[in-house]
Amino acid sequence: MILRTGQRVVFIGDSITDCGRRDAAAPYGNGYVSLVRALVDARHPELELEWVNRGVSGDTVRDLAARWDDDAIAERPDWLAVLIGINDIWRRYTDRPAEAVGIDEYEHTLRDLLRRAVAATGCRLILGDPFFIETDRDDPQRADTDRYAEVVARLAAEFDAVHVPNQAAFDRVLAVSPAKRWADDRVHPYLPGHAVLADAYLSALGLR
């Protein structure tokens, strides 16, 4: 068990993390963050953990940088869980390619944000891979996603972070089921897809 009694766990990222946490599903959203919270609290009520969701739909790592002081550092996390990168890649394949974030900028910016958070708060990090719900590794967006996930894995090793291999988690279920079962756009999971993510987080934290 690496979580300790009374710790504050802050999740930050894009729409996958947001999941309505600023609207009807406040304050935790109705996605993987809510599932992780519910399952950890149910299994370990003695920990009395504090959970915070700071996901914002549409964010890239650039947007994360603009709100980092307020939504990450000021929250004083003991654990900071970051899932970002899907929009950085996806924008290249939509009608907004100018908003895509190249892999070098992505790595440099994310490393700087993580370094600042650790220096300011002493938090431990949980880094989740961006993912694309697609089995064809030659699909251009899937290939890009794999490259960005490699960046996250390197940063996880660099910061001695908990690494959550989200793409591998989806690859396991995609081996026996179609992508349409998990999301209609290969990006935004249905609730069972969020359960796949939650399961990956619990496994990475040693809580399955």
Protein backbone atom coordinates (compact mmCIF):
# COMPACT_ATOMS: atom_id res chain seq x y z
CA MET A 1 0.00 0.00 0.00
CA ILE A 2 1.63 3.22 -1.15
CA LEU A 3 -1.25 5.54 -0.26
CA ARG A 4 -1.23 6.87 3.29
CA THR A 5 -3.98 7.96 5.66
CA GLY A 6 -5.39 11.42 5.00
CA GLN A 7 -3.50 12.04 1.77
CA ARG A 8 -4.83 14.39 -0.91
CA VAL A 9 -5.01 12.92 -4.41
CA VAL A 10 -5.42 15.44 -7.25
CA PHE A 11 -6.25 14.39 -10.82
CA ILE A 12 -5.60 16.82 -13.67
CA GLY A 13 -6.02 16.49 -17.43
CA ASP A 14 -8.47 16.92 -20.28
CA SER A 15 -12.03 15.74 -20.99
CA ILE A 16 -11.25 12.15 -20.05
CA THR A 17 -10.53 13.39 -16.54
CA ASP A 18 -13.13 16.19 -16.51
CA CYS A 19 -16.17 14.05 -17.38
CA GLY A 20 -18.70 16.62 -16.20
CA ARG A 21 -17.01 17.40 -12.90
CA ARG A 22 -17.75 21.14 -13.43
CA ASP A 23 -21.42 20.49 -14.26
CA ALA A 24 -23.98 17.80 -13.55
CA ALA A 25 -21.41 15.28 -12.30
CA ALA A 26 -19.63 17.65 -9.87
CA PRO A 27 -17.24 17.38 -8.16
CA TYR A 28 -15.58 14.16 -9.34
CA GLY A 29 -17.05 13.65 -12.81
CA ASN A 30 -18.65 10.45 -14.04
CA GLY A 31 -15.52 8.79 -15.43
CA TYR A 32 -12.42 6.98 -14.26
CA VAL A 33 -11.64 9.49 -11.47
CA SER A 34 -14.98 8.83 -9.81
CA LEU A 35 -14.55 5.08 -10.22
CA VAL A 36 -11.04 5.10 -8.74
CA ARG A 37 -12.23 7.18 -5.81
CA ALA A 38 -15.24 4.99 -5.13
CA LEU A 39 -13.33 1.72 -5.31
CA VAL A 40 -10.37 2.86 -3.24
CA ASP A 41 -12.65 4.37 -0.60
CA ALA A 42 -14.75 1.20 -0.51
CA ARG A 43 -11.74 -1.09 -0.15
CA HIS A 44 -9.77 1.14 2.22
CA PRO A 45 -12.15 3.40 4.16
CA GLU A 46 -9.57 3.66 6.93
CA LEU A 47 -7.37 5.81 4.68
CA GLU A 48 -9.87 8.70 4.62
CA LEU A 49 -8.32 10.05 1.42
CA GLU A 50 -9.23 13.43 -0.03
CA TRP A 51 -9.95 13.43 -3.77
CA VAL A 52 -9.85 16.38 -6.17
CA ASN A 53 -10.65 16.46 -9.91
CA ARG A 54 -9.14 19.30 -11.94
CA GLY A 55 -9.74 18.01 -15.46
CA VAL A 56 -10.82 20.50 -18.14
CA SER A 57 -12.29 19.33 -21.44
CA GLY A 58 -10.28 20.23 -24.53
CA ASP A 59 -7.00 20.82 -22.74
CA THR A 60 -3.61 20.24 -24.27
CA VAL A 61 -0.39 20.45 -22.32
CA ARG A 62 -0.26 24.15 -23.26
CA ASP A 63 -3.60 24.73 -21.53
CA LEU A 64 -2.40 22.74 -18.56
CA ALA A 65 0.63 25.01 -18.28
CA ALA A 66 -1.60 28.10 -18.22
CA ARG A 67 -3.54 26.88 -15.16
CA TRP A 68 -0.87 24.78 -13.46
CA ASP A 69 -0.21 27.09 -10.52
CA ASP A 70 -3.90 27.33 -9.60
CA ASP A 71 -5.12 23.83 -10.44
CA ALA A 72 -2.10 21.70 -9.55
CA ILE A 73 0.38 23.41 -7.25
CA ALA A 74 -2.14 25.43 -5.22
CA GLU A 75 -4.09 22.23 -4.50
CA ARG A 76 -1.09 20.99 -2.45
CA PRO A 77 -1.39 17.37 -3.54
CA ASP A 78 0.30 14.47 -1.84
CA TRP A 79 -0.30 12.60 -5.08
CA LEU A 80 -0.73 14.33 -8.44
CA ALA A 81 -2.22 12.20 -11.23
CA VAL A 82 -1.70 13.63 -14.72
CA LEU A 83 -3.35 12.37 -17.92
CA ILE A 84 -2.70 14.71 -20.86
CA GLY A 85 -1.79 14.38 -24.51
CA ILE A 86 -4.84 13.07 -26.30
CA ASN A 87 -5.88 16.50 -27.62
CA ASP A 88 -2.25 17.40 -28.34
CA ILE A 89 -2.30 14.55 -30.88
CA TRP A 90 -5.96 14.52 -31.95
CA ARG A 91 -6.02 18.15 -33.08
CA ARG A 92 -3.64 17.21 -35.89
CA TYR A 93 -6.37 14.97 -37.29
CA THR A 94 -9.25 17.47 -36.98
CA ASP A 95 -9.98 20.87 -38.47
CA ARG A 96 -7.73 22.49 -35.83
CA PRO A 97 -4.24 21.25 -36.74
CA ALA A 98 -2.59 24.51 -35.68
CA GLU A 99 -3.54 23.66 -32.09
CA ALA A 100 -1.74 20.30 -32.13
CA VAL A 101 1.29 20.10 -29.86
CA GLY A 102 4.42 18.52 -31.32
CA ILE A 103 6.08 15.75 -29.39
CA ASP A 104 9.18 17.76 -28.45
CA GLU A 105 7.10 20.61 -27.04
CA TYR A 106 4.87 18.10 -25.30
CA GLU A 107 7.80 16.42 -23.56
CA HIS A 108 9.55 19.67 -22.63
CA THR A 109 6.38 21.27 -21.26
CA LEU A 110 5.20 18.24 -19.34
CA ARG A 111 8.63 17.69 -17.79
CA ASP A 112 8.76 21.32 -16.67
CA LEU A 113 5.28 21.13 -15.12
CA LEU A 114 6.09 17.94 -13.24
CA ARG A 115 9.37 19.35 -11.98
CA ARG A 116 7.63 22.48 -10.71
CA ALA A 117 4.91 20.52 -8.94
CA VAL A 118 7.35 18.22 -7.17
CA ALA A 119 9.62 21.10 -6.18
CA ALA A 120 6.74 23.17 -4.81
CA THR A 121 4.74 20.48 -3.02
CA GLY A 122 6.90 17.39 -2.61
CA CYS A 123 4.11 15.34 -4.19
CA ARG A 124 4.41 11.89 -5.69
CA LEU A 125 3.29 11.56 -9.31
CA ILE A 126 0.93 9.22 -11.13
CA LEU A 127 1.40 9.51 -14.90
CA GLY A 128 -1.18 8.02 -17.25
CA ASP A 129 -0.48 7.30 -20.91
CA PRO A 130 -2.55 9.02 -23.57
CA PHE A 131 -4.47 6.39 -25.52
CA PHE A 132 -6.37 5.80 -28.75
CA ILE A 133 -8.99 3.06 -28.88
CA GLU A 134 -7.74 1.52 -32.13
CA THR A 135 -6.11 -1.84 -32.80
CA ASP A 136 -4.27 -0.90 -36.00
CA ARG A 137 -0.85 0.27 -34.85
CA ASP A 138 -0.20 1.63 -38.36
CA ASP A 139 -3.15 4.01 -38.10
CA PRO A 140 -1.44 7.44 -38.06
CA GLN A 141 -3.17 8.67 -34.92
CA ARG A 142 -2.53 5.39 -33.12
CA ALA A 143 1.14 5.52 -34.15
CA ASP A 144 1.44 9.08 -32.86
CA THR A 145 -0.29 8.12 -29.62
CA ASP A 146 2.19 5.31 -29.05
CA ARG A 147 5.05 7.77 -29.46
CA TYR A 148 3.58 10.22 -26.95
CA ALA A 149 2.93 7.34 -24.53
CA GLU A 150 6.63 6.49 -24.74
CA VAL A 151 7.35 10.05 -23.57
CA VAL A 152 5.11 9.53 -20.55
CA ALA A 153 6.82 6.23 -19.73
CA ARG A 154 10.23 7.93 -19.85
CA LEU A 155 9.03 10.76 -17.62
CA ALA A 156 7.54 8.25 -15.17
CA ALA A 157 10.94 6.59 -14.87
CA GLU A 158 12.69 9.96 -14.60
CA PHE A 159 10.45 11.13 -11.75
CA ASP A 160 10.06 7.73 -10.04
CA ALA A 161 6.34 8.09 -10.70
CA VAL A 162 3.60 5.49 -10.75
CA HIS A 163 3.10 4.75 -14.45
CA VAL A 164 -0.36 3.81 -15.73
CA PRO A 165 -0.19 2.08 -19.16
CA ASN A 166 -3.65 3.08 -20.38
CA GLN A 167 -3.04 2.11 -24.00
CA ALA A 168 -1.98 -1.38 -22.96
CA ALA A 169 -5.15 -1.64 -20.87
CA PHE A 170 -7.30 -0.88 -23.91
CA ASP A 171 -5.21 -3.14 -26.12
CA ARG A 172 -6.07 -6.04 -23.82
CA VAL A 173 -9.82 -5.55 -24.18
CA LEU A 174 -9.55 -4.73 -27.89
CA ALA A 175 -7.94 -8.12 -28.46
CA VAL A 176 -11.35 -9.70 -27.84
CA SER A 177 -13.86 -6.93 -28.59
CA PRO A 178 -14.45 -4.14 -31.14
CA ALA A 179 -13.50 -0.52 -30.52
CA LYS A 180 -17.16 0.55 -30.86
CA ARG A 181 -17.89 -1.30 -27.65
CA TRP A 182 -15.71 1.17 -25.75
CA ALA A 183 -16.14 4.53 -27.55
CA ASP A 184 -17.86 5.89 -30.62
CA ASP A 185 -14.97 8.19 -31.59
CA ARG A 186 -12.01 6.07 -30.37
CA VAL A 187 -11.17 8.82 -27.84
CA HIS A 188 -13.99 9.42 -25.33
CA PRO A 189 -14.81 6.14 -23.56
CA TYR A 190 -18.23 5.00 -22.52
CA LEU A 191 -18.52 4.10 -18.83
CA PRO A 192 -17.14 0.56 -19.38
CA GLY A 193 -14.12 2.19 -21.04
CA HIS A 194 -13.65 4.38 -18.01
CA ALA A 195 -13.77 1.19 -15.96
CA VAL A 196 -10.89 -0.11 -18.07
CA LEU A 197 -8.94 3.02 -17.14
CA ALA A 198 -9.90 2.80 -13.46
CA ASP A 199 -8.78 -0.81 -13.39
CA ALA A 200 -5.42 0.23 -14.86
CA TYR A 201 -4.99 2.91 -12.18
CA LEU A 202 -5.87 0.51 -9.37
CA SER A 203 -3.43 -2.04 -10.74
CA ALA A 204 -0.62 0.51 -11.05
CA LEU A 205 -1.25 1.61 -7.44
CA GLY A 206 -1.26 -1.98 -6.22
CA LEU A 207 -4.94 -1.80 -5.25
CA ARG A 208 -6.65 -4.34 -7.51
